[in-house]
Amino acid sequence: SQGVYRKIVFSGGVSQWWQDNSLKVYLFTFFV
């Protein structure tokens, strides 16, 4: 649980940095 939690927090931060809550970035990623 703790290890998975830390990994999820880290990957979630990276994902939030990448997507920045932008639907356009998500759709572009889906297109690629």
PDB file of all heavy atoms in Angstrom:
ATOM      1  N   SER A   1       0.807  -1.221   0.000  1.00  0.00           N
ATOM      2  CA  SER A   1       0.000   0.000   0.000  1.00  0.00           C
ATOM      3  C   SER A   1       0.838   1.268   0.000  1.00  0.00           C
ATOM      4  O   SER A   1       0.627   2.165  -0.808  1.00  0.00           O
ATOM      5  CB  SER A   1      -0.948  -0.009   1.203  1.00  0.00           C
ATOM      6  OG  SER A   1      -0.192  -0.138   2.405  1.00  0.00           O
ATOM      7  N   GLN A   2       1.849   1.354   0.945  1.00  0.00           N
ATOM      8  CA  GLN A   2       2.634   2.579   1.009  1.00  0.00           C
ATOM      9  C   GLN A   2       3.498   2.765  -0.233  1.00  0.00           C
ATOM     10  O   GLN A   2       3.614   3.873  -0.772  1.00  0.00           O
ATOM     11  CB  GLN A   2       3.514   2.547   2.271  1.00  0.00           C
ATOM     12  CG  GLN A   2       2.726   2.629   3.568  1.00  0.00           C
ATOM     13  CD  GLN A   2       1.946   3.934   3.682  1.00  0.00           C
ATOM     14  OE1 GLN A   2       2.430   4.980   3.258  1.00  0.00           O
ATOM     15  NE2 GLN A   2       0.753   3.870   4.246  1.00  0.00           N
ATOM     16  N   GLY A   3       4.131   1.662  -0.680  1.00  0.00           N
ATOM     17  CA  GLY A   3       4.943   1.766  -1.884  1.00  0.00           C
ATOM     18  C   GLY A   3       4.124   2.132  -3.105  1.00  0.00           C
ATOM     19  O   GLY A   3       4.516   2.989  -3.903  1.00  0.00           O
ATOM     20  N   VAL A   4       2.977   1.474  -3.231  1.00  0.00           N
ATOM     21  CA  VAL A   4       2.094   1.801  -4.356  1.00  0.00           C
ATOM     22  C   VAL A   4       1.607   3.225  -4.252  1.00  0.00           C
ATOM     23  O   VAL A   4       1.509   3.963  -5.246  1.00  0.00           O
ATOM     24  CB  VAL A   4       0.912   0.815  -4.395  1.00  0.00           C
ATOM     25  CG1 VAL A   4      -0.121   1.260  -5.415  1.00  0.00           C
ATOM     26  CG2 VAL A   4       1.396  -0.592  -4.717  1.00  0.00           C
ATOM     27  N   TYR A   5       1.324   3.672  -3.002  1.00  0.00           N
ATOM     28  CA  TYR A   5       0.851   5.044  -2.798  1.00  0.00           C
ATOM     29  C   TYR A   5       1.896   6.053  -3.259  1.00  0.00           C
ATOM     30  O   TYR A   5       1.604   7.022  -3.949  1.00  0.00           O
ATOM     31  CB  TYR A   5       0.514   5.253  -1.332  1.00  0.00           C
ATOM     32  CG  TYR A   5       0.265   6.695  -0.956  1.00  0.00           C
ATOM     33  CD1 TYR A   5      -0.911   7.338  -1.334  1.00  0.00           C
ATOM     34  CD2 TYR A   5       1.214   7.427  -0.239  1.00  0.00           C
ATOM     35  CE1 TYR A   5      -1.140   8.656  -1.010  1.00  0.00           C
ATOM     36  CE2 TYR A   5       0.989   8.739   0.092  1.00  0.00           C
ATOM     37  CZ  TYR A   5      -0.189   9.351  -0.301  1.00  0.00           C
ATOM     38  OH  TYR A   5      -0.413  10.672   0.020  1.00  0.00           O
ATOM     39  N   ARG A   6       3.177   5.808  -2.848  1.00  0.00           N
ATOM     40  CA  ARG A   6       4.239   6.730  -3.243  1.00  0.00           C
ATOM     41  C   ARG A   6       4.431   6.741  -4.763  1.00  0.00           C
ATOM     42  O   ARG A   6       4.653   7.791  -5.363  1.00  0.00           O
ATOM     43  CB  ARG A   6       5.540   6.340  -2.537  1.00  0.00           C
ATOM     44  CG  ARG A   6       5.572   6.700  -1.056  1.00  0.00           C
ATOM     45  CD  ARG A   6       6.965   6.558  -0.498  1.00  0.00           C
ATOM     46  NE  ARG A   6       7.393   5.176  -0.445  1.00  0.00           N
ATOM     47  CZ  ARG A   6       7.205   4.362   0.589  1.00  0.00           C
ATOM     48  NH1 ARG A   6       6.589   4.824   1.679  1.00  0.00           N
ATOM     49  NH2 ARG A   6       7.632   3.112   0.556  1.00  0.00           N
ATOM     50  N   LYS A   7       4.361   5.556  -5.365  1.00  0.00           N
ATOM     51  CA  LYS A   7       4.523   5.500  -6.821  1.00  0.00           C
ATOM     52  C   LYS A   7       3.360   6.189  -7.533  1.00  0.00           C
ATOM     53  O   LYS A   7       3.544   6.846  -8.558  1.00  0.00           O
ATOM     54  CB  LYS A   7       4.650   4.048  -7.270  1.00  0.00           C
ATOM     55  CG  LYS A   7       5.991   3.412  -6.890  1.00  0.00           C
ATOM     56  CD  LYS A   7       6.045   1.986  -7.356  1.00  0.00           C
ATOM     57  CE  LYS A   7       7.434   1.377  -7.084  1.00  0.00           C
ATOM     58  NZ  LYS A   7       7.789   1.450  -5.660  1.00  0.00           N
ATOM     59  N   ILE A   8       2.153   6.012  -6.994  1.00  0.00           N
ATOM     60  CA  ILE A   8       0.985   6.659  -7.606  1.00  0.00           C
ATOM     61  C   ILE A   8       1.089   8.169  -7.492  1.00  0.00           C
ATOM     62  O   ILE A   8       0.779   8.912  -8.431  1.00  0.00           O
ATOM     63  CB  ILE A   8      -0.314   6.137  -6.962  1.00  0.00           C
ATOM     64  CG1 ILE A   8      -0.562   4.687  -7.381  1.00  0.00           C
ATOM     65  CG2 ILE A   8      -1.499   7.007  -7.354  1.00  0.00           C
ATOM     66  CD1 ILE A   8      -1.759   4.063  -6.712  1.00  0.00           C
ATOM     67  N   VAL A   9       1.540   8.655  -6.312  1.00  0.00           N
ATOM     68  CA  VAL A   9       1.694  10.101  -6.138  1.00  0.00           C
ATOM     69  C   VAL A   9       2.722  10.655  -7.120  1.00  0.00           C
ATOM     70  O   VAL A   9       2.512  11.694  -7.763  1.00  0.00           O
ATOM     71  CB  VAL A   9       2.101  10.409  -4.683  1.00  0.00           C
ATOM     72  CG1 VAL A   9       2.516  11.877  -4.556  1.00  0.00           C
ATOM     73  CG2 VAL A   9       0.957  10.102  -3.742  1.00  0.00           C
ATOM     74  N   PHE A  10       3.855   9.922  -7.270  1.00  0.00           N
ATOM     75  CA  PHE A  10       4.888  10.388  -8.197  1.00  0.00           C
ATOM     76  C   PHE A  10       4.374  10.382  -9.637  1.00  0.00           C
ATOM     77  O   PHE A  10       4.508  11.367 -10.367  1.00  0.00           O
ATOM     78  CB  PHE A  10       6.128   9.499  -8.069  1.00  0.00           C
ATOM     79  CG  PHE A  10       7.192   9.829  -9.074  1.00  0.00           C
ATOM     80  CD1 PHE A  10       7.984  10.961  -8.921  1.00  0.00           C
ATOM     81  CD2 PHE A  10       7.388   9.015 -10.189  1.00  0.00           C
ATOM     82  CE1 PHE A  10       8.959  11.264  -9.858  1.00  0.00           C
ATOM     83  CE2 PHE A  10       8.355   9.318 -11.128  1.00  0.00           C
ATOM     84  CZ  PHE A  10       9.141  10.458 -10.956  1.00  0.00           C
ATOM     85  N   SER A  11       3.794   9.251 -10.061  1.00  0.00           N
ATOM     86  CA  SER A  11       3.297   9.180 -11.440  1.00  0.00           C
ATOM     87  C   SER A  11       2.148  10.141 -11.669  1.00  0.00           C
ATOM     88  O   SER A  11       2.000  10.703 -12.757  1.00  0.00           O
ATOM     89  CB  SER A  11       2.873   7.742 -11.760  1.00  0.00           C
ATOM     90  OG  SER A  11       1.823   7.329 -10.905  1.00  0.00           O
ATOM     91  N   GLY A  12       1.322  10.345 -10.637  1.00  0.00           N
ATOM     92  CA  GLY A  12       0.243  11.320 -10.793  1.00  0.00           C
ATOM     93  C   GLY A  12       0.764  12.727 -10.969  1.00  0.00           C
ATOM     94  O   GLY A  12       0.206  13.512 -11.737  1.00  0.00           O
ATOM     95  N   GLY A  13       1.856  13.071 -10.251  1.00  0.00           N
ATOM     96  CA  GLY A  13       2.464  14.386 -10.445  1.00  0.00           C
ATOM     97  C   GLY A  13       3.013  14.560 -11.845  1.00  0.00           C
ATOM     98  O   GLY A  13       2.851  15.606 -12.467  1.00  0.00           O
ATOM     99  N   VAL A  14       3.670  13.497 -12.351  1.00  0.00           N
ATOM    100  CA  VAL A  14       4.190  13.560 -13.716  1.00  0.00           C
ATOM    101  C   VAL A  14       3.050  13.686 -14.715  1.00  0.00           C
ATOM    102  O   VAL A  14       3.104  14.476 -15.668  1.00  0.00           O
ATOM    103  CB  VAL A  14       5.040  12.306 -14.014  1.00  0.00           C
ATOM    104  CG1 VAL A  14       5.458  12.287 -15.484  1.00  0.00           C
ATOM    105  CG2 VAL A  14       6.253  12.258 -13.110  1.00  0.00           C
ATOM    106  N   SER A  15       1.980  12.911 -14.480  1.00  0.00           N
ATOM    107  CA  SER A  15       0.839  12.960 -15.395  1.00  0.00           C
ATOM    108  C   SER A  15       0.165  14.319 -15.365  1.00  0.00           C
ATOM    109  O   SER A  15      -0.225  14.851 -16.397  1.00  0.00           O
ATOM    110  CB  SER A  15      -0.164  11.860 -15.033  1.00  0.00           C
ATOM    111  OG  SER A  15      -1.307  11.928 -15.848  1.00  0.00           O
ATOM    112  N   GLN A  16       0.051  14.905 -14.157  1.00  0.00           N
ATOM    113  CA  GLN A  16      -0.568  16.229 -14.056  1.00  0.00           C
ATOM    114  C   GLN A  16       0.300  17.285 -14.728  1.00  0.00           C
ATOM    115  O   GLN A  16      -0.194  18.208 -15.368  1.00  0.00           O
ATOM    116  CB  GLN A  16      -0.788  16.582 -12.587  1.00  0.00           C
ATOM    117  CG  GLN A  16      -1.543  17.894 -12.389  1.00  0.00           C
ATOM    118  CD  GLN A  16      -1.841  18.159 -10.935  1.00  0.00           C
ATOM    119  OE1 GLN A  16      -1.383  17.430 -10.067  1.00  0.00           O
ATOM    120  NE2 GLN A  16      -2.606  19.191 -10.667  1.00  0.00           N
ATOM    121  N   TRP A  17       1.632  17.132 -14.570  1.00  0.00           N
ATOM    122  CA  TRP A  17       2.524  18.065 -15.254  1.00  0.00           C
ATOM    123  C   TRP A  17       2.380  17.948 -16.769  1.00  0.00           C
ATOM    124  O   TRP A  17       2.427  18.941 -17.492  1.00  0.00           O
ATOM    125  CB  TRP A  17       3.961  17.766 -14.836  1.00  0.00           C
ATOM    126  CG  TRP A  17       4.976  18.514 -15.671  1.00  0.00           C
ATOM    127  CD1 TRP A  17       5.348  19.807 -15.549  1.00  0.00           C
ATOM    128  CD2 TRP A  17       5.707  17.976 -16.778  1.00  0.00           C
ATOM    129  NE1 TRP A  17       6.283  20.120 -16.516  1.00  0.00           N
ATOM    130  CE2 TRP A  17       6.516  19.019 -17.283  1.00  0.00           C
ATOM    131  CE3 TRP A  17       5.777  16.719 -17.387  1.00  0.00           C
ATOM    132  CZ2 TRP A  17       7.366  18.844 -18.358  1.00  0.00           C
ATOM    133  CZ3 TRP A  17       6.627  16.551 -18.455  1.00  0.00           C
ATOM    134  CH2 TRP A  17       7.408  17.596 -18.935  1.00  0.00           C
ATOM    135  N   TRP A  18       2.192  16.718 -17.269  1.00  0.00           N
ATOM    136  CA  TRP A  18       2.077  16.511 -18.709  1.00  0.00           C
ATOM    137  C   TRP A  18       0.746  17.007 -19.238  1.00  0.00           C
ATOM    138  O   TRP A  18       0.675  17.706 -20.242  1.00  0.00           O
ATOM    139  CB  TRP A  18       2.293  15.032 -19.027  1.00  0.00           C
ATOM    140  CG  TRP A  18       1.923  14.663 -20.434  1.00  0.00           C
ATOM    141  CD1 TRP A  18       0.873  13.914 -20.830  1.00  0.00           C
ATOM    142  CD2 TRP A  18       2.600  15.064 -21.630  1.00  0.00           C
ATOM    143  NE1 TRP A  18       0.840  13.804 -22.193  1.00  0.00           N
ATOM    144  CE2 TRP A  18       1.895  14.507 -22.714  1.00  0.00           C
ATOM    145  CE3 TRP A  18       3.719  15.835 -21.896  1.00  0.00           C
ATOM    146  CZ2 TRP A  18       2.287  14.692 -24.022  1.00  0.00           C
ATOM    147  CZ3 TRP A  18       4.111  16.024 -23.207  1.00  0.00           C
ATOM    148  CH2 TRP A  18       3.391  15.455 -24.244  1.00  0.00           C
ATOM    149  N   GLN A  19      -0.325  16.660 -18.548  1.00  0.00           N
ATOM    150  CA  GLN A  19      -1.651  16.994 -19.070  1.00  0.00           C
ATOM    151  C   GLN A  19      -2.104  18.376 -18.632  1.00  0.00           C
ATOM    152  O   GLN A  19      -2.803  19.067 -19.357  1.00  0.00           O
ATOM    153  CB  GLN A  19      -2.677  15.945 -18.626  1.00  0.00           C
ATOM    154  CG  GLN A  19      -2.387  14.556 -19.157  1.00  0.00           C
ATOM    155  CD  GLN A  19      -3.497  13.568 -18.843  1.00  0.00           C
ATOM    156  OE1 GLN A  19      -4.586  13.972 -18.481  1.00  0.00           O
ATOM    157  NE2 GLN A  19      -3.222  12.297 -18.961  1.00  0.00           N
ATOM    158  N   ASP A  20      -1.746  18.772 -17.429  1.00  0.00           N
ATOM    159  CA  ASP A  20      -2.119  20.094 -16.913  1.00  0.00           C
ATOM    160  C   ASP A  20      -3.621  20.321 -16.994  1.00  0.00           C
ATOM    161  O   ASP A  20      -4.092  21.407 -17.288  1.00  0.00           O
ATOM    162  CB  ASP A  20      -1.365  21.182 -17.666  1.00  0.00           C
ATOM    163  CG  ASP A  20      -1.432  22.522 -16.949  1.00  0.00           C
ATOM    164  OD1 ASP A  20      -1.687  22.511 -15.734  1.00  0.00           O
ATOM    165  OD2 ASP A  20      -1.263  23.558 -17.594  1.00  0.00           O
ATOM    166  N   ASN A  21      -4.358  19.231 -16.740  1.00  0.00           N
ATOM    167  CA  ASN A  21      -5.833  19.295 -16.758  1.00  0.00           C
ATOM    168  C   ASN A  21      -6.370  19.847 -18.083  1.00  0.00           C
ATOM    169  O   ASN A  21      -7.389  20.520 -18.120  1.00  0.00           O
ATOM    170  CB  ASN A  21      -6.362  20.147 -15.597  1.00  0.00           C
ATOM    171  CG  ASN A  21      -6.104  19.493 -14.269  1.00  0.00           C
ATOM    172  OD1 ASN A  21      -6.149  18.264 -14.166  1.00  0.00           O
ATOM    173  ND2 ASN A  21      -5.837  20.278 -13.250  1.00  0.00           N
ATOM    174  N   SER A  22      -5.664  19.588 -19.157  1.00  0.00           N
ATOM    175  CA  SER A  22      -6.065  20.126 -20.465  1.00  0.00           C
ATOM    176  C   SER A  22      -6.637  19.010 -21.326  1.00  0.00           C
ATOM    177  O   SER A  22      -5.959  18.015 -21.599  1.00  0.00           O
ATOM    178  CB  SER A  22      -4.862  20.761 -21.174  1.00  0.00           C
ATOM    179  OG  SER A  22      -5.225  21.175 -22.462  1.00  0.00           O
ATOM    180  N   LEU A  23      -7.869  19.152 -21.726  1.00  0.00           N
ATOM    181  CA  LEU A  23      -8.500  18.155 -22.592  1.00  0.00           C
ATOM    182  C   LEU A  23      -7.826  18.116 -23.966  1.00  0.00           C
ATOM    183  O   LEU A  23      -7.754  17.068 -24.604  1.00  0.00           O
ATOM    184  CB  LEU A  23      -9.992  18.470 -22.748  1.00  0.00           C
ATOM    185  CG  LEU A  23     -10.810  17.486 -23.596  1.00  0.00           C
ATOM    186  CD1 LEU A  23     -10.805  16.105 -22.930  1.00  0.00           C
ATOM    187  CD2 LEU A  23     -12.235  17.988 -23.756  1.00  0.00           C
ATOM    188  N   LYS A  24      -7.275  19.245 -24.411  1.00  0.00           N
ATOM    189  CA  LYS A  24      -6.626  19.282 -25.712  1.00  0.00           C
ATOM    190  C   LYS A  24      -5.381  18.377 -25.718  1.00  0.00           C
ATOM    191  O   LYS A  24      -5.135  17.654 -26.684  1.00  0.00           O
ATOM    192  CB  LYS A  24      -6.223  20.717 -26.049  1.00  0.00           C
ATOM    193  CG  LYS A  24      -7.401  21.664 -26.240  1.00  0.00           C
ATOM    194  CD  LYS A  24      -6.920  23.053 -26.545  1.00  0.00           C
ATOM    195  CE  LYS A  24      -8.093  24.019 -26.724  1.00  0.00           C
ATOM    196  NZ  LYS A  24      -7.654  25.391 -26.986  1.00  0.00           N
ATOM    197  N   VAL A  25      -4.594  18.442 -24.621  1.00  0.00           N
ATOM    198  CA  VAL A  25      -3.405  17.605 -24.552  1.00  0.00           C
ATOM    199  C   VAL A  25      -3.790  16.134 -24.527  1.00  0.00           C
ATOM    200  O   VAL A  25      -3.163  15.280 -25.165  1.00  0.00           O
ATOM    201  CB  VAL A  25      -2.563  17.970 -23.317  1.00  0.00           C
ATOM    202  CG1 VAL A  25      -1.359  17.048 -23.176  1.00  0.00           C
ATOM    203  CG2 VAL A  25      -2.108  19.415 -23.403  1.00  0.00           C
ATOM    204  N   TYR A  26      -4.875  15.849 -23.784  1.00  0.00           N
ATOM    205  CA  TYR A  26      -5.325  14.468 -23.727  1.00  0.00           C
ATOM    206  C   TYR A  26      -5.763  13.975 -25.107  1.00  0.00           C
ATOM    207  O   TYR A  26      -5.400  12.869 -25.531  1.00  0.00           O
ATOM    208  CB  TYR A  26      -6.499  14.355 -22.749  1.00  0.00           C
ATOM    209  CG  TYR A  26      -7.221  13.049 -22.829  1.00  0.00           C
ATOM    210  CD1 TYR A  26      -6.656  11.872 -22.334  1.00  0.00           C
ATOM    211  CD2 TYR A  26      -8.481  12.972 -23.422  1.00  0.00           C
ATOM    212  CE1 TYR A  26      -7.321  10.674 -22.423  1.00  0.00           C
ATOM    213  CE2 TYR A  26      -9.152  11.775 -23.525  1.00  0.00           C
ATOM    214  CZ  TYR A  26      -8.568  10.625 -23.007  1.00  0.00           C
ATOM    215  OH  TYR A  26      -9.229   9.432 -23.099  1.00  0.00           O
ATOM    216  N   LEU A  27      -6.498  14.797 -25.833  1.00  0.00           N
ATOM    217  CA  LEU A  27      -6.955  14.383 -27.158  1.00  0.00           C
ATOM    218  C   LEU A  27      -5.783  14.255 -28.131  1.00  0.00           C
ATOM    219  O   LEU A  27      -5.766  13.377 -28.991  1.00  0.00           O
ATOM    220  CB  LEU A  27      -7.985  15.389 -27.688  1.00  0.00           C
ATOM    221  CG  LEU A  27      -9.317  15.404 -26.930  1.00  0.00           C
ATOM    222  CD1 LEU A  27     -10.208  16.502 -27.471  1.00  0.00           C
ATOM    223  CD2 LEU A  27     -10.011  14.060 -27.031  1.00  0.00           C
ATOM    224  N   PHE A  28      -4.786  15.137 -27.981  1.00  0.00           N
ATOM    225  CA  PHE A  28      -3.605  15.020 -28.828  1.00  0.00           C
ATOM    226  C   PHE A  28      -2.858  13.718 -28.537  1.00  0.00           C
ATOM    227  O   PHE A  28      -2.411  13.028 -29.453  1.00  0.00           O
ATOM    228  CB  PHE A  28      -2.689  16.222 -28.604  1.00  0.00           C
ATOM    229  CG  PHE A  28      -1.377  16.128 -29.352  1.00  0.00           C
ATOM    230  CD1 PHE A  28      -1.335  16.333 -30.722  1.00  0.00           C
ATOM    231  CD2 PHE A  28      -0.209  15.812 -28.683  1.00  0.00           C
ATOM    232  CE1 PHE A  28      -0.140  16.241 -31.409  1.00  0.00           C
ATOM    233  CE2 PHE A  28       0.985  15.719 -29.364  1.00  0.00           C
ATOM    234  CZ  PHE A  28       1.023  15.934 -30.729  1.00  0.00           C
ATOM    235  N   THR A  29      -2.743  13.385 -27.244  1.00  0.00           N
ATOM    236  CA  THR A  29      -2.090  12.124 -26.880  1.00  0.00           C
ATOM    237  C   THR A  29      -2.853  10.937 -27.439  1.00  0.00           C
ATOM    238  O   THR A  29      -2.264   9.972 -27.940  1.00  0.00           O
ATOM    239  CB  THR A  29      -1.997  12.019 -25.351  1.00  0.00           C
ATOM    240  OG1 THR A  29      -1.402  13.194 -24.827  1.00  0.00           O
ATOM    241  CG2 THR A  29      -1.163  10.820 -24.937  1.00  0.00           C
ATOM    242  N   PHE A  30      -4.191  11.028 -27.385  1.00  0.00           N
ATOM    243  CA  PHE A  30      -5.001   9.944 -27.934  1.00  0.00           C
ATOM    244  C   PHE A  30      -4.810   9.833 -29.446  1.00  0.00           C
ATOM    245  O   PHE A  30      -4.754   8.734 -30.000  1.00  0.00           O
ATOM    246  CB  PHE A  30      -6.473  10.198 -27.601  1.00  0.00           C
ATOM    247  CG  PHE A  30      -7.403   9.204 -28.237  1.00  0.00           C
ATOM    248  CD1 PHE A  30      -7.578   7.949 -27.682  1.00  0.00           C
ATOM    249  CD2 PHE A  30      -8.102   9.520 -29.393  1.00  0.00           C
ATOM    250  CE1 PHE A  30      -8.418   7.036 -28.264  1.00  0.00           C
ATOM    251  CE2 PHE A  30      -8.946   8.612 -29.985  1.00  0.00           C
ATOM    252  CZ  PHE A  30      -9.102   7.359 -29.401  1.00  0.00           C
ATOM    253  N   PHE A  31      -4.673  10.980 -30.102  1.00  0.00           N
ATOM    254  CA  PHE A  31      -4.468  10.963 -31.552  1.00  0.00           C
ATOM    255  C   PHE A  31      -3.141  10.299 -31.898  1.00  0.00           C
ATOM    256  O   PHE A  31      -3.062   9.490 -32.824  1.00  0.00           O
ATOM    257  CB  PHE A  31      -4.511  12.402 -32.076  1.00  0.00           C
ATOM    258  CG  PHE A  31      -4.193  12.521 -33.537  1.00  0.00           C
ATOM    259  CD1 PHE A  31      -5.101  12.098 -34.498  1.00  0.00           C
ATOM    260  CD2 PHE A  31      -2.986  13.059 -33.948  1.00  0.00           C
ATOM    261  CE1 PHE A  31      -4.805  12.205 -35.841  1.00  0.00           C
ATOM    262  CE2 PHE A  31      -2.690  13.176 -35.286  1.00  0.00           C
ATOM    263  CZ  PHE A  31      -3.608  12.749 -36.232  1.00  0.00           C
ATOM    264  N   VAL A  32      -2.080  10.627 -31.148  1.00  0.00           N
ATOM    265  CA  VAL A  32      -0.779  10.012 -31.397  1.00  0.00           C
ATOM    266  C   VAL A  32      -0.845   8.510 -31.157  1.00  0.00           C
ATOM    267  O   VAL A  32      -0.326   7.704 -31.946  1.00  0.00           O
ATOM    268  CB  VAL A  32       0.297  10.668 -30.510  1.00  0.00           C
ATOM    269  CG1 VAL A  32       1.633   9.938 -30.641  1.00  0.00           C
ATOM    270  CG2 VAL A  32       0.458  12.138 -30.874  1.00  0.00           C
TER     271      VAL A  32
END
